[in-house]
Amino acid sequence: MSEYDGGTDYGHVETGENHEALDQLHQVDASQNNYDSQFNVYEQDHASAENTSFDQGHHVSITDPSGAQYEESDFTSYDHSAAETDHVFAAEGSESASSSEFHELEALQARLDSAFGSATELHTNGGPAIAGS
């Protein structure tokens, strides 16, 4: 404080302002892709063949003293043929695909404004006190 002639005291007056700001931006972009395929194949073959052949023969030829002739023939013939084939085919499969995306945006904004003021009293000789703030 300062003192002047005449007994007057006075003080300092102070004023001010505060300004603060916060800006924040957060962004996320993500994606995921999946693909799956699975196939199974089963195959089986079978083949068989069979042949049977049977032949039997009998032949008799007789000539007697008088010149007569006798002949006899017996034949048995048997044939058998068989063929067999099998074929099995099986197929199984699956296929899948998926896709996903993710987007996120966060924004934060804050403002702070403040003002202040202060004053001191002024005293004069014999007068009332004057105050301000």
C-alpha atoms as a PDB file:
ATOM      1  CA  MET A   1       0.000   0.000   0.000  1.00  0.00           C
ATOM      2  CA  SER A   2       1.015   3.507  -0.585  1.00  0.00           C
ATOM      3  CA  GLU A   3       0.370   6.462   1.579  1.00  0.00           C
ATOM      4  CA  TYR A   4      -0.079   9.966   0.247  1.00  0.00           C
ATOM      5  CA  ASP A   5      -0.338  13.346   1.942  1.00  0.00           C
ATOM      6  CA  GLY A   6      -3.684  13.955   3.500  1.00  0.00           C
ATOM      7  CA  GLY A   7      -3.908  10.465   5.022  1.00  0.00           C
ATOM      8  CA  THR A   8      -5.319   8.685   2.015  1.00  0.00           C
ATOM      9  CA  ASP A   9      -4.715   4.936   1.598  1.00  0.00           C
ATOM     10  CA  TYR A  10      -5.536   3.030  -1.517  1.00  0.00           C
ATOM     11  CA  GLY A  11      -4.959  -0.454  -2.838  1.00  0.00           C
ATOM     12  CA  HIS A  12      -4.522  -2.288  -6.127  1.00  0.00           C
ATOM     13  CA  VAL A  13      -7.403  -3.415  -8.307  1.00  0.00           C
ATOM     14  CA  GLU A  14      -6.939  -6.630 -10.344  1.00  0.00           C
ATOM     15  CA  THR A  15      -9.206  -8.198 -12.993  1.00  0.00           C
ATOM     16  CA  GLY A  16      -8.674 -11.063 -15.384  1.00  0.00           C
ATOM     17  CA  GLU A  17     -10.146 -13.810 -17.510  1.00  0.00           C
ATOM     18  CA  ASN A  18      -9.242 -17.448 -18.010  1.00  0.00           C
ATOM     19  CA  HIS A  19     -10.108 -19.339 -21.174  1.00  0.00           C
ATOM     20  CA  GLU A  20      -9.362 -23.048 -21.464  1.00  0.00           C
ATOM     21  CA  ALA A  21     -10.403 -25.508 -24.136  1.00  0.00           C
ATOM     22  CA  LEU A  22     -10.023 -29.274 -24.710  1.00  0.00           C
ATOM     23  CA  ASP A  23     -10.648 -30.862 -28.094  1.00  0.00           C
ATOM     24  CA  GLN A  24     -10.022 -34.585 -28.448  1.00  0.00           C
ATOM     25  CA  LEU A  25     -10.972 -36.880 -31.330  1.00  0.00           C
ATOM     26  CA  HIS A  26     -10.493 -40.667 -31.262  1.00  0.00           C
ATOM     27  CA  GLN A  27     -11.346 -42.765 -34.305  1.00  0.00           C
ATOM     28  CA  VAL A  28     -11.141 -46.565 -34.761  1.00  0.00           C
ATOM     29  CA  ASP A  29     -11.748 -48.437 -38.039  1.00  0.00           C
ATOM     30  CA  ALA A  30     -11.437 -52.237 -38.010  1.00  0.00           C
ATOM     31  CA  SER A  31     -12.544 -55.093 -40.221  1.00  0.00           C
ATOM     32  CA  GLN A  32     -12.305 -58.872 -40.175  1.00  0.00           C
ATOM     33  CA  ASN A  33     -12.792 -61.355 -43.042  1.00  0.00           C
ATOM     34  CA  ASN A  34     -12.982 -65.127 -42.617  1.00  0.00           C
ATOM     35  CA  TYR A  35     -13.184 -67.863 -45.262  1.00  0.00           C
ATOM     36  CA  ASP A  36     -13.352 -71.600 -44.667  1.00  0.00           C
ATOM     37  CA  SER A  37     -13.792 -74.488 -47.086  1.00  0.00           C
ATOM     38  CA  GLN A  38     -13.699 -78.187 -46.381  1.00  0.00           C
ATOM     39  CA  PHE A  39     -14.348 -80.963 -48.897  1.00  0.00           C
ATOM     40  CA  ASN A  40     -14.192 -84.733 -48.468  1.00  0.00           C
ATOM     41  CA  VAL A  41     -14.287 -87.279 -51.292  1.00  0.00           C
ATOM     42  CA  TYR A  42     -14.707 -91.026 -50.810  1.00  0.00           C
ATOM     43  CA  GLU A  43     -14.475 -93.482 -53.673  1.00  0.00           C
ATOM     44  CA  GLN A  44     -14.423 -97.264 -53.682  1.00  0.00           C
ATOM     45  CA  ASP A  45     -14.091 -99.695 -56.596  1.00  0.00           C
ATOM     46  CA  HIS A  46     -14.612-103.460 -56.678  1.00  0.00           C
ATOM     47  CA  ALA A  47     -14.454-105.811 -59.639  1.00  0.00           C
ATOM     48  CA  SER A  48     -14.524-109.592 -59.917  1.00  0.00           C
ATOM     49  CA  ALA A  49     -14.772-112.067 -62.783  1.00  0.00           C
ATOM     50  CA  GLU A  50     -15.357-115.786 -62.794  1.00  0.00           C
ATOM     51  CA  ASN A  51     -15.158-118.296 -65.636  1.00  0.00           C
ATOM     52  CA  THR A  52     -15.863-121.986 -65.319  1.00  0.00           C
ATOM     53  CA  SER A  53     -15.541-124.394 -68.209  1.00  0.00           C
ATOM     54  CA  PHE A  54     -16.105-128.128 -67.875  1.00  0.00           C
ATOM     55  CA  ASP A  55     -15.910-130.523 -70.783  1.00  0.00           C
ATOM     56  CA  GLN A  56     -16.219-134.301 -70.569  1.00  0.00           C
ATOM     57  CA  GLY A  57     -16.279-136.603 -73.525  1.00  0.00           C
ATOM     58  CA  HIS A  58     -16.845-140.277 -74.191  1.00  0.00           C
ATOM     59  CA  HIS A  59     -16.506-141.927 -77.577  1.00  0.00           C
ATOM     60  CA  VAL A  60     -16.823-145.619 -78.320  1.00  0.00           C
ATOM     61  CA  SER A  61     -16.338-147.162 -81.743  1.00  0.00           C
ATOM     62  CA  ILE A  62     -16.859-150.922 -82.242  1.00  0.00           C
ATOM     63  CA  THR A  63     -16.559-152.966 -85.416  1.00  0.00           C
ATOM     64  CA  ASP A  64     -17.592-156.618 -85.177  1.00  0.00           C
ATOM     65  CA  PRO A  65     -16.152-159.515 -87.264  1.00  0.00           C
ATOM     66  CA  SER A  66     -19.045-159.402 -89.668  1.00  0.00           C
ATOM     67  CA  GLY A  67     -18.168-155.816 -90.559  1.00  0.00           C
ATOM     68  CA  ALA A  68     -20.921-154.084 -88.617  1.00  0.00           C
ATOM     69  CA  GLN A  69     -19.856-150.903 -86.965  1.00  0.00           C
ATOM     70  CA  TYR A  70     -21.219-149.274 -83.876  1.00  0.00           C
ATOM     71  CA  GLU A  71     -20.256-145.798 -82.599  1.00  0.00           C
ATOM     72  CA  GLU A  72     -21.366-143.908 -79.570  1.00  0.00           C
ATOM     73  CA  SER A  73     -20.356-140.441 -78.460  1.00  0.00           C
ATOM     74  CA  ASP A  74     -21.338-138.692 -75.248  1.00  0.00           C
ATOM     75  CA  PHE A  75     -20.157-135.181 -74.488  1.00  0.00           C
ATOM     76  CA  THR A  76     -20.982-132.927 -71.608  1.00  0.00           C
ATOM     77  CA  SER A  77     -19.996-129.295 -71.855  1.00  0.00           C
ATOM     78  CA  TYR A  78     -20.650-126.697 -69.162  1.00  0.00           C
ATOM     79  CA  ASP A  79     -19.603-123.053 -69.334  1.00  0.00           C
ATOM     80  CA  HIS A  80     -20.254-120.403 -66.721  1.00  0.00           C
ATOM     81  CA  SER A  81     -19.160-116.764 -66.848  1.00  0.00           C
ATOM     82  CA  ALA A  82     -19.896-114.067 -64.266  1.00  0.00           C
ATOM     83  CA  ALA A  83     -18.687-110.511 -63.927  1.00  0.00           C
ATOM     84  CA  GLU A  84     -19.358-108.132 -61.062  1.00  0.00           C
ATOM     85  CA  THR A  85     -18.358-104.549 -60.540  1.00  0.00           C
ATOM     86  CA  ASP A  86     -19.197-102.089 -57.786  1.00  0.00           C
ATOM     87  CA  HIS A  87     -18.456 -98.404 -57.636  1.00  0.00           C
ATOM     88  CA  VAL A  88     -19.268 -96.027 -54.800  1.00  0.00           C
ATOM     89  CA  PHE A  89     -18.626 -92.305 -54.975  1.00  0.00           C
ATOM     90  CA  ALA A  90     -19.459 -89.827 -52.239  1.00  0.00           C
ATOM     91  CA  ALA A  91     -18.587 -86.165 -51.928  1.00  0.00           C
ATOM     92  CA  GLU A  92     -19.295 -83.821 -49.076  1.00  0.00           C
ATOM     93  CA  GLY A  93     -18.331 -80.221 -48.739  1.00  0.00           C
ATOM     94  CA  SER A  94     -18.920 -77.022 -46.891  1.00  0.00           C
ATOM     95  CA  GLU A  95     -17.908 -73.473 -47.540  1.00  0.00           C
ATOM     96  CA  SER A  96     -18.461 -70.418 -45.402  1.00  0.00           C
ATOM     97  CA  ALA A  97     -17.445 -66.794 -45.434  1.00  0.00           C
ATOM     98  CA  SER A  98     -18.029 -63.962 -43.013  1.00  0.00           C
ATOM     99  CA  SER A  99     -17.107 -60.322 -42.925  1.00  0.00           C
ATOM    100  CA  SER A 100     -17.502 -57.758 -40.190  1.00  0.00           C
ATOM    101  CA  GLU A 101     -16.596 -54.106 -39.840  1.00  0.00           C
ATOM    102  CA  PHE A 102     -16.340 -51.862 -36.814  1.00  0.00           C
ATOM    103  CA  HIS A 103     -16.210 -48.079 -36.790  1.00  0.00           C
ATOM    104  CA  GLU A 104     -16.006 -45.917 -33.700  1.00  0.00           C
ATOM    105  CA  LEU A 105     -15.717 -42.160 -33.354  1.00  0.00           C
ATOM    106  CA  GLU A 106     -15.373 -40.452 -29.998  1.00  0.00           C
ATOM    107  CA  ALA A 107     -15.248 -36.690 -29.706  1.00  0.00           C
ATOM    108  CA  LEU A 108     -14.698 -34.756 -26.512  1.00  0.00           C
ATOM    109  CA  GLN A 109     -14.967 -31.003 -26.429  1.00  0.00           C
ATOM    110  CA  ALA A 110     -14.866 -28.918 -23.268  1.00  0.00           C
ATOM    111  CA  ARG A 111     -14.701 -25.158 -22.756  1.00  0.00           C
ATOM    112  CA  LEU A 112     -14.022 -23.375 -19.497  1.00  0.00           C
ATOM    113  CA  ASP A 113     -14.377 -19.629 -19.301  1.00  0.00           C
ATOM    114  CA  SER A 114     -13.973 -17.750 -16.067  1.00  0.00           C
ATOM    115  CA  ALA A 115     -13.533 -14.146 -15.044  1.00  0.00           C
ATOM    116  CA  PHE A 116     -12.430 -12.727 -11.791  1.00  0.00           C
ATOM    117  CA  GLY A 117     -11.990  -9.333 -10.210  1.00  0.00           C
ATOM    118  CA  SER A 118     -10.689  -8.037  -6.933  1.00  0.00           C
ATOM    119  CA  ALA A 119     -10.359  -4.603  -5.407  1.00  0.00           C
ATOM    120  CA  THR A 120      -9.155  -3.073  -2.216  1.00  0.00           C
ATOM    121  CA  GLU A 121     -10.612  -0.382  -0.022  1.00  0.00           C
ATOM    122  CA  LEU A 122      -9.819   3.280  -0.256  1.00  0.00           C
ATOM    123  CA  HIS A 123      -9.709   5.249   3.004  1.00  0.00           C
ATOM    124  CA  THR A 124      -9.671   9.026   3.159  1.00  0.00           C
ATOM    125  CA  ASN A 125      -9.443  11.247   6.225  1.00  0.00           C
ATOM    126  CA  GLY A 126     -12.808  11.694   7.706  1.00  0.00           C
ATOM    127  CA  GLY A 127     -14.713  10.117   4.789  1.00  0.00           C
ATOM    128  CA  PRO A 128     -16.462   6.770   4.546  1.00  0.00           C
ATOM    129  CA  ALA A 129     -14.599   3.703   3.283  1.00  0.00           C
ATOM    130  CA  ILE A 130     -15.076   2.847  -0.371  1.00  0.00           C
ATOM    131  CA  ALA A 131     -14.747  -0.819  -1.286  1.00  0.00           C
ATOM    132  CA  GLY A 132     -14.915  -2.575  -4.613  1.00  0.00           C
ATOM    133  CA  SER A 133     -14.508  -6.058  -5.720  1.00  0.00           C
END
